[in-house]
N, C-alpha and C. Protein backbone atom coordinates (compact mmCIF):
# COMPACT_ATOMS: atom_id res chain seq x y z
N UNK A 1 1.16 -0.82 0.17
CA UNK A 1 -0.03 0.13 0.36
C UNK A 1 1.04 1.03 0.29
N UNK A 2 2.11 1.15 0.81
CA UNK A 2 3.32 2.57 0.94
C UNK A 2 3.33 2.13 -0.50
N UNK A 3 3.72 1.55 -1.38
CA UNK A 3 4.35 0.91 -2.24
C UNK A 3 2.93 1.89 -4.00
N UNK A 4 2.10 2.10 -3.25
CA UNK A 4 0.95 2.95 -4.43
C UNK A 4 1.26 4.22 -4.11
N UNK A 5 0.64 4.08 -2.20
CA UNK A 5 0.79 5.86 -2.71
C UNK A 5 2.09 6.09 -2.99
N UNK A 6 2.98 5.76 -2.79
CA UNK A 6 4.02 6.38 -3.79
C UNK A 6 4.32 7.01 -4.94
N UNK A 7 3.81 6.05 -5.03
CA UNK A 7 3.18 5.19 -7.28
C UNK A 7 2.32 6.83 -7.70
N UNK A 8 1.47 6.99 -6.84
CA UNK A 8 0.22 8.44 -7.47
C UNK A 8 0.71 9.46 -6.96
N UNK A 9 2.10 9.11 -6.17
CA UNK A 9 2.76 11.06 -5.18
C UNK A 9 3.64 11.46 -6.64
N UNK A 10 4.39 10.26 -7.05
CA UNK A 10 5.18 10.35 -8.38
C UNK A 10 4.64 10.75 -9.44
N UNK A 11 3.75 10.58 -9.28
CA UNK A 11 2.52 10.92 -11.40
C UNK A 11 2.17 12.23 -10.86
N UNK A 12 1.52 12.97 -9.64
CA UNK A 12 1.77 13.79 -9.80
C UNK A 12 2.10 14.76 -9.92
N UNK A 13 3.58 14.91 -9.38
CA UNK A 13 4.57 15.33 -8.53
C UNK A 13 5.09 15.96 -10.81
N UNK A 14 5.09 14.55 -11.19
CA UNK A 14 4.71 14.48 -12.59
C UNK A 14 4.26 15.27 -13.49
N UNK A 15 3.46 15.05 -13.59
CA UNK A 15 2.20 15.98 -14.20
C UNK A 15 2.38 17.35 -13.84
N UNK A 16 1.94 17.80 -12.75
CA UNK A 16 2.94 19.19 -12.46
C UNK A 16 3.95 19.67 -12.80
N UNK A 17 5.12 18.93 -13.05
CA UNK A 17 6.20 19.71 -13.52
C UNK A 17 5.73 19.81 -15.01
N UNK A 18 5.49 19.08 -15.78
CA UNK A 18 4.82 19.52 -17.10
C UNK A 18 4.19 20.61 -17.28
N UNK A 19 3.40 20.36 -16.67
CA UNK A 19 2.07 21.72 -16.56
C UNK A 19 2.69 22.50 -16.28
N UNK A 20 3.73 23.06 -15.14
CA UNK A 20 4.61 23.92 -14.96
C UNK A 20 5.19 24.33 -16.45
N UNK A 21 6.03 23.46 -17.07
CA UNK A 21 6.80 23.96 -18.29
C UNK A 21 5.80 24.38 -19.09
N UNK A 22 5.01 23.96 -19.31
CA UNK A 22 4.13 24.14 -20.50
C UNK A 22 3.60 25.47 -20.72
N UNK A 23 3.33 25.93 -19.65
CA UNK A 23 3.23 26.88 -19.13
C UNK A 23 4.23 27.85 -19.39
N UNK A 24 5.22 27.76 -18.87
CA UNK A 24 6.34 28.62 -19.27
C UNK A 24 6.94 28.75 -20.83
N UNK A 25 6.65 27.27 -21.43
CA UNK A 25 7.13 27.61 -22.62
C UNK A 25 5.90 28.02 -23.34
N UNK A 26 4.79 28.14 -23.20
CA UNK A 26 3.16 28.83 -24.04
C UNK A 26 3.39 30.24 -23.78
N UNK A 27 3.42 31.12 -22.25
CA UNK A 27 3.19 32.29 -21.95
C UNK A 27 4.51 32.88 -23.27
N UNK A 28 3.10 34.40 -23.75
CA UNK A 28 4.26 35.37 -25.04
C UNK A 28 3.88 36.84 -24.03
N UNK A 29 4.97 37.88 -23.83
CA UNK A 29 5.09 38.45 -23.18
C UNK A 29 4.70 39.95 -23.62
N UNK A 30 3.55 41.03 -23.19
CA UNK A 30 2.81 42.07 -24.04
C UNK A 30 3.18 43.15 -23.62
N UNK A 31 3.52 44.05 -25.11
CA UNK A 31 4.20 44.82 -24.72
C UNK A 31 2.68 46.14 -24.69
N UNK A 32 3.10 46.86 -23.57
CA UNK A 32 2.00 48.16 -24.00
C UNK A 32 2.54 49.37 -23.85
N UNK A 33 2.67 50.23 -24.39
CA UNK A 33 3.48 51.64 -24.72
C UNK A 33 2.69 52.36 -24.75
N UNK A 34 2.68 53.56 -23.69
CA UNK A 34 1.41 54.56 -23.18
C UNK A 34 2.35 55.99 -24.75
N UNK A 35 0.94 56.71 -25.18
CA UNK A 35 1.69 57.58 -26.19
C UNK A 35 0.91 59.23 -25.04
N UNK A 36 2.12 59.76 -25.23
CA UNK A 36 2.20 61.24 -24.50
C UNK A 36 1.13 61.96 -25.50
N UNK A 37 0.09 62.70 -25.23
CA UNK A 37 -0.62 63.65 -26.04
C UNK A 37 -0.10 64.41 -26.08
N UNK A 38 0.44 65.40 -27.29
CA UNK A 38 0.67 66.75 -27.98
C UNK A 38 -0.22 67.90 -27.18
N UNK A 39 0.71 68.85 -26.86
CA UNK A 39 0.00 69.20 -26.10
C UNK A 39 -0.47 70.52 -26.53
N UNK A 40 -1.78 71.16 -26.81
CA UNK A 40 -2.82 72.07 -27.62
C UNK A 40 -2.45 73.42 -27.37
N UNK A 41 -2.06 73.97 -28.47
CA UNK A 41 -1.57 75.73 -29.05
C UNK A 41 -2.93 75.82 -29.45
N UNK A 42 -3.08 76.84 -28.25
CA UNK A 42 -4.10 78.10 -28.38
C UNK A 42 -3.99 78.43 -30.06
N UNK A 43 -4.89 78.95 -30.64
CA UNK A 43 -4.43 80.01 -32.15
C UNK A 43 -4.43 81.81 -31.67
N UNK A 44 -3.69 81.73 -32.37
CA UNK A 44 -3.03 83.75 -32.15
C UNK A 44 -3.84 83.95 -32.40
N UNK A 45 -4.41 85.70 -31.51
CA UNK A 45 -5.15 86.56 -31.90
C UNK A 45 -5.15 87.29 -33.09
N UNK A 46 -5.58 87.39 -33.84
CA UNK A 46 -6.26 87.96 -35.07
C UNK A 46 -5.67 88.96 -34.93
N UNK A 47 -5.07 90.63 -35.30
CA UNK A 47 -5.38 91.85 -34.87
C UNK A 47 -6.34 92.31 -35.41
N UNK A 48 -7.58 93.79 -34.58
CA UNK A 48 -8.46 93.82 -35.43
C UNK A 48 -7.76 94.92 -36.12
N UNK A 49 -9.51 94.27 -37.27
CA UNK A 49 -9.73 94.88 -38.21
C UNK A 49 -9.32 96.19 -38.45
N UNK A 50 -9.64 97.46 -38.78
CA UNK A 50 -9.80 99.00 -39.18
C UNK A 50 -11.13 98.97 -38.96
N UNK A 51 -12.02 99.90 -38.47
CA UNK A 51 -13.54 99.83 -38.87
C UNK A 51 -14.40 101.00 -40.18
N UNK A 52 -14.21 100.77 -41.36
CA UNK A 52 -14.37 101.56 -42.30
C UNK A 52 -15.31 102.65 -42.24
N UNK A 53 -15.57 104.12 -42.19
CA UNK A 53 -17.24 104.25 -42.16
C UNK A 53 -17.19 105.03 -43.13
N UNK A 54 -18.94 104.75 -43.00
CA UNK A 54 -19.55 105.29 -44.98
C UNK A 54 -19.49 106.34 -45.08
N UNK A 55 -19.20 106.58 -46.06
CA UNK A 55 -19.18 108.05 -47.09
C UNK A 55 -20.10 108.68 -47.04
N UNK A 56 -20.45 109.83 -46.95
CA UNK A 56 -22.19 110.69 -46.69
C UNK A 56 -22.34 110.85 -48.07
N UNK A 57 -23.23 110.09 -48.45
CA UNK A 57 -24.15 110.99 -49.84
C UNK A 57 -24.05 111.96 -50.20
N UNK A 58 -23.27 112.15 -51.62
CA UNK A 58 -23.53 113.74 -52.10
C UNK A 58 -24.86 114.29 -51.92
N UNK A 59 -24.64 115.89 -51.15
CA UNK A 59 -25.87 116.17 -51.66
C UNK A 59 -25.99 117.03 -52.60
N UNK A 60 -27.44 117.25 -53.39
CA UNK A 60 -27.72 117.70 -53.91
C UNK A 60 -28.08 118.85 -53.98
N UNK A 61 -27.48 119.62 -55.37
CA UNK A 61 -27.73 121.34 -55.11
C UNK A 61 -28.89 121.83 -55.89
N UNK A 62 -29.84 122.25 -54.69
CA UNK A 62 -30.45 122.64 -55.27
C UNK A 62 -31.37 123.54 -56.08
N UNK A 63 -32.22 123.52 -56.96
CA UNK A 63 -31.86 124.68 -57.53
C UNK A 63 -32.75 126.15 -57.30
N UNK A 64 -32.98 126.58 -57.20
CA UNK A 64 -34.02 127.92 -57.27
C UNK A 64 -35.14 127.72 -58.04
N UNK A 65 -36.43 127.85 -57.58
CA UNK A 65 -37.65 128.10 -58.09
C UNK A 65 -37.97 129.41 -59.17
N UNK A 66 -37.91 129.16 -60.94
CA UNK A 66 -38.05 130.56 -61.62
C UNK A 66 -38.81 131.18 -61.15
N UNK A 67 -38.69 132.45 -60.89
CA UNK A 67 -40.17 133.55 -60.43
C UNK A 67 -41.53 133.71 -61.49
N UNK A 68 -42.51 133.85 -61.62
CA UNK A 68 -43.86 134.22 -62.65
C UNK A 68 -43.28 135.38 -63.14
N UNK A 69 -42.98 135.39 -64.66
CA UNK A 69 -43.46 136.37 -65.08
C UNK A 69 -44.34 137.33 -64.69
N UNK A 70 -44.16 138.80 -64.70
CA UNK A 70 -44.83 139.44 -64.44
C UNK A 70 -45.97 139.90 -65.70
N UNK A 71 -46.80 140.21 -65.44
CA UNK A 71 -47.55 140.51 -67.07
C UNK A 71 -48.10 141.91 -66.36
N UNK A 72 -47.94 141.81 -68.17
CA UNK A 72 -48.00 143.44 -68.09
C UNK A 72 -49.13 144.08 -67.90
N UNK A 73 -49.40 145.62 -67.61
CA UNK A 73 -50.47 146.08 -66.70
C UNK A 73 -51.17 146.84 -67.85
N UNK A 74 -52.68 146.04 -68.00
CA UNK A 74 -53.07 146.81 -69.68
C UNK A 74 -54.14 148.01 -69.05
N UNK A 75 -54.11 149.32 -69.96
CA UNK A 75 -54.77 150.17 -68.95
C UNK A 75 -55.87 149.93 -69.75
N UNK A 76 -57.34 149.83 -68.91
CA UNK A 76 -58.71 149.38 -69.02
C UNK A 76 -59.24 150.90 -69.84
N UNK A 77 -60.00 150.38 -70.60
CA UNK A 77 -60.42 151.58 -71.21
C UNK A 77 -61.76 152.11 -71.39
N UNK A 78 -62.39 152.91 -70.85
CA UNK A 78 -63.66 153.43 -70.42
C UNK A 78 -64.95 153.10 -71.40
N UNK A 79 -65.36 152.39 -71.03
CA UNK A 79 -66.28 151.99 -71.49
C UNK A 79 -67.34 152.75 -72.51
N UNK A 80 -67.46 152.17 -73.61
CA UNK A 80 -68.16 153.01 -75.02
C UNK A 80 -69.87 153.26 -74.09
N UNK A 81 -70.31 154.07 -74.87
CA UNK A 81 -72.24 154.23 -74.10
C UNK A 81 -72.66 153.52 -74.75
N UNK A 82 -73.40 153.16 -73.81
CA UNK A 82 -74.82 151.78 -75.17
C UNK A 82 -75.39 153.01 -75.96
N UNK A 83 -75.98 152.29 -77.03
CA UNK A 83 -76.76 152.94 -77.49
C UNK A 83 -78.07 153.15 -77.11
N UNK A 84 -78.73 154.26 -77.64
CA UNK A 84 -80.04 154.70 -76.55
C UNK A 84 -81.25 153.54 -77.84
N UNK A 85 -81.80 152.65 -76.46
CA UNK A 85 -83.19 151.79 -77.09
C UNK A 85 -84.22 152.39 -76.66
N UNK A 86 -85.12 152.32 -77.84
CA UNK A 86 -86.39 153.32 -78.12
C UNK A 86 -87.32 152.15 -76.50
N UNK A 87 -87.45 152.13 -76.03
CA UNK A 87 -88.74 151.14 -74.92
C UNK A 87 -90.03 151.57 -76.08
N UNK A 88 -90.63 149.42 -76.24
CA UNK A 88 -90.85 148.26 -76.38
C UNK A 88 -91.81 149.17 -76.11
N UNK A 89 -93.06 149.02 -76.65
CA UNK A 89 -94.34 149.52 -76.23
C UNK A 89 -95.21 148.45 -75.05
N UNK A 90 -96.06 148.73 -74.50
CA UNK A 90 -96.20 147.72 -73.19
C UNK A 90 -97.34 146.89 -74.20
N UNK A 91 -97.33 145.55 -74.18
CA UNK A 91 -98.68 144.53 -74.63
C UNK A 91 -99.92 144.89 -74.03
N UNK A 92 -101.30 145.19 -74.52
CA UNK A 92 -101.97 145.34 -74.32
C UNK A 92 -102.10 144.49 -73.30
N UNK A 93 -103.07 144.43 -72.10
CA UNK A 93 -104.35 142.90 -71.34
C UNK A 93 -104.50 142.87 -71.27
N UNK A 94 -104.83 141.00 -71.67
CA UNK A 94 -106.23 140.72 -72.28
C UNK A 94 -107.06 140.44 -71.80
N UNK A 95 -108.24 140.47 -72.24
CA UNK A 95 -109.81 141.10 -71.07
C UNK A 95 -109.80 139.47 -70.10
N UNK A 96 -109.72 139.75 -69.60
CA UNK A 96 -109.96 138.86 -68.29
C UNK A 96 -112.19 138.58 -68.81
N UNK A 97 -112.20 136.78 -68.37
CA UNK A 97 -113.20 136.60 -68.32
C UNK A 97 -113.94 136.05 -67.63
N UNK A 98 -115.07 136.91 -67.52
CA UNK A 98 -115.71 137.48 -66.04
C UNK A 98 -116.32 135.60 -65.94
N UNK A 99 -116.02 135.50 -64.64
CA UNK A 99 -116.06 134.21 -63.38
C UNK A 99 -118.39 134.82 -63.30
N UNK A 100 -117.96 133.07 -63.13
CA UNK A 100 -120.10 132.83 -62.34
C UNK A 100 -119.29 133.58 -61.24
N UNK A 101 -120.56 133.80 -60.25
CA UNK A 101 -120.72 134.18 -59.02
C UNK A 101 -120.81 132.50 -58.38
N UNK A 102 -120.30 132.67 -57.39
CA UNK A 102 -119.92 131.50 -56.26
C UNK A 102 -121.49 131.09 -56.56
N UNK A 103 -122.13 129.07 -56.22
CA UNK A 103 -123.09 129.21 -55.71
C UNK A 103 -124.16 129.24 -54.33
N UNK A 104 -124.83 129.95 -54.43
CA UNK A 104 -125.32 130.83 -53.25
C UNK A 104 -125.13 129.02 -51.93
N UNK A 105 -124.88 129.50 -51.08
CA UNK A 105 -123.89 128.56 -50.35
C UNK A 105 -125.60 127.32 -49.34
N UNK A 106 -126.18 126.89 -48.95
CA UNK A 106 -127.48 125.86 -48.74
C UNK A 106 -128.33 126.63 -47.74
N UNK A 107 -129.20 126.33 -47.56
CA UNK A 107 -129.84 127.01 -46.07
C UNK A 107 -129.82 127.02 -45.28
N UNK A 108 -129.46 126.72 -43.91
CA UNK A 108 -129.15 126.30 -43.05
C UNK A 108 -130.31 126.17 -42.02
N UNK A 109 -130.70 124.60 -41.68
CA UNK A 109 -131.56 123.84 -41.47
C UNK A 109 -132.10 124.06 -40.59
N UNK A 110 -133.79 124.82 -40.32
CA UNK A 110 -134.60 125.35 -39.24
C UNK A 110 -134.17 124.85 -37.99
N UNK A 111 -133.80 125.31 -37.21
CA UNK A 111 -134.18 125.06 -35.52
C UNK A 111 -134.88 123.81 -35.15
N UNK A 112 -134.71 123.17 -34.68
CA UNK A 112 -135.91 121.88 -33.93
C UNK A 112 -136.41 122.56 -33.07
N UNK A 113 -136.93 122.41 -33.12
CA UNK A 113 -139.05 122.68 -31.76
C UNK A 113 -138.49 122.20 -30.59
N UNK A 114 -137.83 122.60 -29.46
CA UNK A 114 -138.02 122.60 -29.19
C UNK A 114 -138.62 121.55 -28.07
N UNK A 115 -138.55 120.78 -27.22
CA UNK A 115 -139.28 120.29 -26.55
C UNK A 115 -139.58 120.49 -25.37
N UNK A 116 -141.52 120.23 -25.60
CA UNK A 116 -141.60 120.83 -24.28
C UNK A 116 -141.51 120.60 -23.17
N UNK A 117 -141.22 121.12 -22.14
CA UNK A 117 -140.71 120.46 -20.67
C UNK A 117 -142.11 119.53 -20.26
N UNK A 118 -141.57 118.62 -19.20
CA UNK A 118 -142.72 117.74 -19.04
C UNK A 118 -143.02 118.31 -17.25
N UNK A 119 -144.47 118.62 -17.67
CA UNK A 119 -145.10 119.11 -16.47
C UNK A 119 -145.38 117.87 -14.75
N UNK A 120 -144.16 117.98 -13.72
CA UNK A 120 -144.61 116.89 -12.84
C UNK A 120 -146.00 117.96 -11.78
N UNK A 121 -147.40 116.19 -11.89
CA UNK A 121 -147.76 116.35 -10.92
C UNK A 121 -147.18 116.39 -9.20
N UNK A 122 -147.85 117.00 -8.32
CA UNK A 122 -147.13 117.00 -6.77
C UNK A 122 -148.31 116.27 -6.10
N UNK A 123 -147.68 114.90 -4.95
CA UNK A 123 -148.43 114.11 -4.68
C UNK A 123 -149.33 114.28 -4.23
N UNK A 124 -150.74 114.12 -4.32
CA UNK A 124 -151.79 113.73 -3.43
C UNK A 124 -152.34 113.14 -2.75
N UNK A 125 -153.10 113.38 -0.91
CA UNK A 125 -153.21 112.64 -0.29
C UNK A 125 -154.66 112.31 0.28
N UNK A 126 -155.09 113.05 -0.50
CA UNK A 126 -157.33 113.66 -0.45
C UNK A 126 -157.73 112.93 -0.79
N UNK A 127 -157.11 111.44 -1.85
CA UNK A 127 -158.42 110.43 -2.12
C UNK A 127 -158.81 109.70 -1.60
N UNK A 128 -160.10 109.55 -1.95
CA UNK A 128 -161.16 109.04 -1.00
C UNK A 128 -160.49 107.17 -1.09
N UNK A 129 -159.76 106.77 -2.20
CA UNK A 129 -159.43 105.02 -1.91
C UNK A 129 -158.19 105.10 -1.10
N UNK A 130 -157.66 106.21 -0.77
CA UNK A 130 -156.53 105.86 0.45
C UNK A 130 -157.04 106.00 2.11
N UNK A 131 -158.24 106.20 2.41
CA UNK A 131 -158.93 106.03 3.48
C UNK A 131 -157.45 106.34 4.89
N UNK A 132 -157.16 107.33 4.54
CA UNK A 132 -156.32 108.29 5.67
C UNK A 132 -156.94 107.95 6.86
N UNK A 133 -156.60 107.64 8.25
CA UNK A 133 -157.84 108.20 9.31
C UNK A 133 -157.05 109.47 9.79
N UNK A 134 -157.92 110.15 10.17
CA UNK A 134 -157.82 111.51 11.03
C UNK A 134 -156.74 111.13 12.47
N UNK A 135 -155.84 112.34 12.79
CA UNK A 135 -154.79 111.63 13.88
C UNK A 135 -155.97 112.36 15.30
N UNK A 136 -155.98 111.22 15.67
CA UNK A 136 -156.59 111.45 17.54
C UNK A 136 -156.72 112.15 18.28
N UNK A 137 -157.44 112.74 18.47
CA UNK A 137 -157.18 114.60 19.79
C UNK A 137 -156.77 113.64 20.75
N UNK A 138 -155.86 114.18 21.18
CA UNK A 138 -155.23 113.98 22.82
C UNK A 138 -156.44 114.10 23.96
N UNK A 139 -156.96 113.55 24.82
CA UNK A 139 -157.72 113.89 25.40
C UNK A 139 -157.12 115.02 26.99
N UNK A 140 -155.86 115.49 27.28
CA UNK A 140 -156.07 116.26 27.98
C UNK A 140 -156.21 117.23 27.12
N UNK A 141 -155.71 117.60 25.75
CA UNK A 141 -156.07 118.54 24.41
C UNK A 141 -157.66 119.01 25.34
N UNK A 142 -158.77 118.19 25.10
CA UNK A 142 -159.53 118.32 24.77
C UNK A 142 -160.38 118.63 26.18
N UNK A 143 -159.95 118.39 27.40
CA UNK A 143 -159.72 118.48 28.11
C UNK A 143 -159.25 120.26 28.74
N UNK A 144 -158.70 120.54 28.19
CA UNK A 144 -157.89 121.68 28.03
C UNK A 144 -158.73 122.79 27.00
N UNK A 145 -158.79 122.12 26.09
CA UNK A 145 -159.92 122.69 24.90
C UNK A 145 -158.30 123.29 24.58
N UNK A 146 -157.58 122.55 24.33
CA UNK A 146 -156.78 123.01 23.05
C UNK A 146 -156.97 123.15 21.61
N UNK A 147 -157.30 123.47 20.73
CA UNK A 147 -157.41 123.62 18.87
C UNK A 147 -156.93 124.23 18.03
N UNK A 148 -156.41 123.76 17.40
CA UNK A 148 -155.88 124.69 15.68
C UNK A 148 -155.30 123.75 14.99
N UNK A 149 -154.54 123.82 13.75
CA UNK A 149 -154.42 123.93 12.72
C UNK A 149 -152.57 123.23 12.78
N UNK A 150 -152.25 122.41 12.54
CA UNK A 150 -150.84 121.64 11.63
C UNK A 150 -150.84 121.49 10.81
N UNK A 151 -149.53 122.56 9.61
CA UNK A 151 -149.20 121.70 8.99
C UNK A 151 -148.04 121.04 8.67
N UNK A 152 -147.61 119.84 8.14
CA UNK A 152 -146.95 118.42 7.93
C UNK A 152 -146.63 119.08 6.58
N UNK A 153 -145.10 118.94 6.03
CA UNK A 153 -144.16 118.64 4.81
C UNK A 153 -143.37 117.39 4.96
N UNK A 154 -143.82 116.52 4.03
CA UNK A 154 -144.21 114.88 3.47
C UNK A 154 -143.54 114.79 2.32
N UNK A 155 -142.41 114.06 2.51
CA UNK A 155 -141.99 114.00 1.26
C UNK A 155 -142.44 112.34 0.73
N UNK A 156 -142.94 112.20 -0.36
CA UNK A 156 -143.84 110.72 -0.64
C UNK A 156 -142.93 110.11 -1.72
N UNK A 157 -142.16 108.97 -1.23
CA UNK A 157 -141.28 108.03 -2.20
C UNK A 157 -142.40 107.71 -3.58
N UNK A 158 -141.71 107.21 -4.38
CA UNK A 158 -142.59 106.90 -6.06
C UNK A 158 -143.05 105.85 -5.80
N UNK A 159 -143.03 105.04 -5.08
CA UNK A 159 -144.85 104.19 -4.33
C UNK A 159 -145.07 104.45 -3.28
N UNK A 160 -146.00 106.06 -2.79
CA UNK A 160 -147.19 106.27 -2.33
C UNK A 160 -146.29 106.45 -1.25
N UNK A 161 -145.43 106.10 -0.35
CA UNK A 161 -145.06 105.96 1.07
C UNK A 161 -144.28 107.25 1.68
N UNK A 162 -145.10 107.74 3.14
CA UNK A 162 -143.91 108.69 3.30
C UNK A 162 -142.54 108.76 3.94
N UNK A 163 -141.92 109.15 3.35
CA UNK A 163 -140.42 108.92 3.97
C UNK A 163 -139.91 109.43 5.05
N UNK A 164 -140.54 110.91 5.09
CA UNK A 164 -139.62 111.69 5.55
C UNK A 164 -141.20 112.67 6.10
N UNK A 165 -141.55 113.44 6.95
CA UNK A 165 -142.91 114.31 7.85
C UNK A 165 -141.78 114.59 8.84
N UNK A 166 -142.22 116.02 8.79
CA UNK A 166 -141.77 116.75 9.54
C UNK A 166 -142.51 118.62 9.78
N UNK A 167 -142.40 118.97 10.86
CA UNK A 167 -143.49 120.35 10.93
C UNK A 167 -143.19 121.42 9.92
N UNK A 168 -144.25 121.59 9.07
CA UNK A 168 -144.23 123.23 8.96
C UNK A 168 -144.12 124.44 9.61
N UNK A 169 -145.86 124.34 9.60
CA UNK A 169 -145.87 124.76 10.42
C UNK A 169 -147.00 124.53 11.72
N UNK A 170 -146.24 124.76 13.07
CA UNK A 170 -147.17 124.80 14.67
C UNK A 170 -148.76 125.23 14.86
N UNK A 171 -149.33 123.64 15.45
CA UNK A 171 -150.74 124.59 15.83
C UNK A 171 -150.64 125.71 16.87
N UNK A 172 -149.39 125.02 17.93
CA UNK A 172 -149.50 126.14 18.60
C UNK A 172 -149.26 125.17 19.71
N UNK A 173 -150.04 123.63 19.88
CA UNK A 173 -149.58 123.49 20.71
C UNK A 173 -148.35 121.26 20.43
N UNK A 174 -147.78 121.57 21.62
CA UNK A 174 -147.30 120.29 20.81
C UNK A 174 -147.71 119.07 21.16
N UNK A 175 -148.53 118.77 21.99
CA UNK A 175 -149.33 117.54 21.84
C UNK A 175 -150.13 117.62 20.33
N UNK A 176 -150.91 118.66 19.98
CA UNK A 176 -151.71 118.09 18.73
C UNK A 176 -150.70 118.35 17.51
N UNK A 177 -149.23 118.33 18.05
CA UNK A 177 -148.18 118.39 16.60
C UNK A 177 -147.71 116.80 16.86
N UNK A 178 -147.20 116.69 18.09
CA UNK A 178 -146.74 115.26 17.83
C UNK A 178 -148.14 114.11 17.48
N UNK A 179 -148.98 114.62 17.49
CA UNK A 179 -150.46 113.60 17.97
C UNK A 179 -150.45 113.55 15.53
N UNK A 180 -150.40 113.94 15.03
CA UNK A 180 -150.73 114.43 13.59
C UNK A 180 -149.59 113.99 13.03
N UNK A 181 -148.24 113.79 13.64
CA UNK A 181 -146.74 113.72 12.96
C UNK A 181 -147.19 112.48 12.86
N UNK A 182 -147.99 111.35 14.31
CA UNK A 182 -147.17 109.81 14.24
C UNK A 182 -148.48 109.02 13.45
N UNK A 183 -149.62 110.31 13.26
CA UNK A 183 -150.67 109.31 12.45
C UNK A 183 -150.66 109.20 10.42
N UNK A 184 -149.84 110.29 10.40
CA UNK A 184 -149.20 110.57 9.27
C UNK A 184 -147.72 109.34 8.42
N UNK A 185 -147.06 109.52 9.52
CA UNK A 185 -146.08 108.58 9.52
C UNK A 185 -145.77 107.03 9.62
N UNK A 186 -146.82 107.02 10.10
CA UNK A 186 -147.32 105.77 10.37
C UNK A 186 -148.46 104.80 9.81
N UNK A 187 -149.57 106.08 9.14
CA UNK A 187 -150.28 104.94 8.72
C UNK A 187 -151.30 105.56 7.17
N UNK A 188 -150.58 107.00 6.99
CA UNK A 188 -150.75 107.30 6.07
C UNK A 188 -150.46 106.93 4.73
N UNK A 189 -150.88 107.01 3.07
CA UNK A 189 -150.76 106.80 1.89
C UNK A 189 -150.75 108.29 0.71
N UNK A 190 -149.96 108.14 0.32
CA UNK A 190 -149.94 109.35 -0.74
C UNK A 190 -149.81 108.35 -2.53
N UNK A 191 -150.85 109.40 -3.12
CA UNK A 191 -150.55 109.45 -4.47
C UNK A 191 -149.71 109.83 -5.16
N UNK A 192 -147.89 109.14 -5.58
CA UNK A 192 -146.54 109.75 -5.84
C UNK A 192 -146.84 110.75 -6.96
N UNK A 193 -145.75 112.09 -6.97
CA UNK A 193 -146.20 112.73 -8.19
C UNK A 193 -145.93 111.85 -9.21
N UNK A 194 -146.00 112.55 -9.99
CA UNK A 194 -145.79 111.95 -11.64
C UNK A 194 -145.26 112.30 -11.82
N UNK A 195 -144.02 112.46 -13.62
CA UNK A 195 -143.46 113.76 -14.76
C UNK A 195 -143.88 112.77 -15.28
N UNK A 196 -144.96 113.37 -16.84
CA UNK A 196 -145.60 112.43 -17.41
C UNK A 196 -146.03 111.37 -16.96
N UNK A 197 -146.06 110.50 -17.13
CA UNK A 197 -146.87 108.66 -16.86
C UNK A 197 -145.88 108.17 -16.10
N UNK A 198 -144.60 109.21 -15.50
CA UNK A 198 -143.74 108.02 -14.51
C UNK A 198 -143.81 108.80 -13.20
N UNK A 199 -144.10 107.60 -12.18
CA UNK A 199 -144.23 108.21 -10.98
C UNK A 199 -142.23 108.78 -10.73
N UNK A 200 -142.65 109.69 -9.67
CA UNK A 200 -141.21 110.54 -8.96
C UNK A 200 -141.87 110.52 -7.39
N UNK A 201 -140.44 111.09 -6.26
CA UNK A 201 -140.76 111.49 -5.29
C UNK A 201 -140.97 112.90 -5.64
N UNK A 202 -141.66 113.28 -4.21
CA UNK A 202 -141.39 114.78 -3.75
C UNK A 202 -142.03 115.27 -2.99
N UNK A 203 -141.85 116.55 -2.69
CA UNK A 203 -142.77 117.02 -1.66
C UNK A 203 -144.64 117.57 -1.66
N UNK A 204 -144.51 117.21 -0.27
CA UNK A 204 -146.36 117.85 -0.96
C UNK A 204 -146.69 118.75 0.79
N UNK A 205 -147.97 119.47 1.23
CA UNK A 205 -147.74 119.89 2.40
C UNK A 205 -149.15 119.26 2.43
N UNK A 206 -149.55 119.19 3.48
CA UNK A 206 -150.37 118.52 4.77
C UNK A 206 -150.50 119.45 6.18
N UNK A 207 -152.13 120.37 5.21
CA UNK A 207 -152.78 120.87 6.80
C UNK A 207 -153.77 119.61 7.21
N UNK A 208 -153.52 119.94 8.73
CA UNK A 208 -154.00 118.83 9.84
C UNK A 208 -154.69 119.38 11.12
N UNK A 209 -156.12 120.29 10.79
CA UNK A 209 -156.75 120.67 12.42
C UNK A 209 -157.62 119.89 13.30
N UNK A 210 -157.80 120.62 13.98
CA UNK A 210 -158.17 119.70 15.73
C UNK A 210 -158.98 120.79 15.92
N UNK A 211 -160.25 120.39 16.00
CA UNK A 211 -161.16 121.82 16.25
C UNK A 211 -162.53 120.58 17.65
N UNK A 212 -162.79 121.41 18.74
CA UNK A 212 -164.07 120.51 19.08
C UNK A 212 -164.81 120.87 18.83
N UNK A 213 -166.14 119.45 19.32
CA UNK A 213 -167.12 119.68 18.50
C UNK A 213 -168.04 120.47 19.80
N UNK A 214 -169.30 121.16 19.68
CA UNK A 214 -169.78 121.65 20.40
C UNK A 214 -171.07 120.93 20.82
């Protein structure tokens, strides 16, 4: 076994030597050279060129304007007198034709006859069919023998009713006046006033006498 180990070790050493010799025989040295760059030389500055100033344009000569020629003054001749012409005769006026007189204006229409005013009949209170009662005689006035005539002013409506009743002339006794007022205001009827055939409202005077019988 030791012999085998020595044989293997010898083989390894042999092959390692051959490999080293082969490496030495095949390696070729590489030569590397470094090139130093040339220094950059800046360009020389050029001298400044002289500035050429533009030449001024030549001025044109101004020609003087010619003066207008003066016209000769011609002496004015005095006007010759015009020959006298005889006046022409005036033409005779043409005869004017006589114009016919304008037609007479139409006669104005006759004024319309005004309608006659419609008369108004006053109200009435003494018709028999009205049956207006007499005012009662106050008892105290009888005992005191008070007598007199009261005149009432009554406004009668178109339907014949007394709308307003007032004393126009007193009898001299308040009791007699009040009796007449109350009776006419509450119980009387009238024939209304009329304008033509139309009933209208109107005023009427109503005398009422209070007299004691003997």
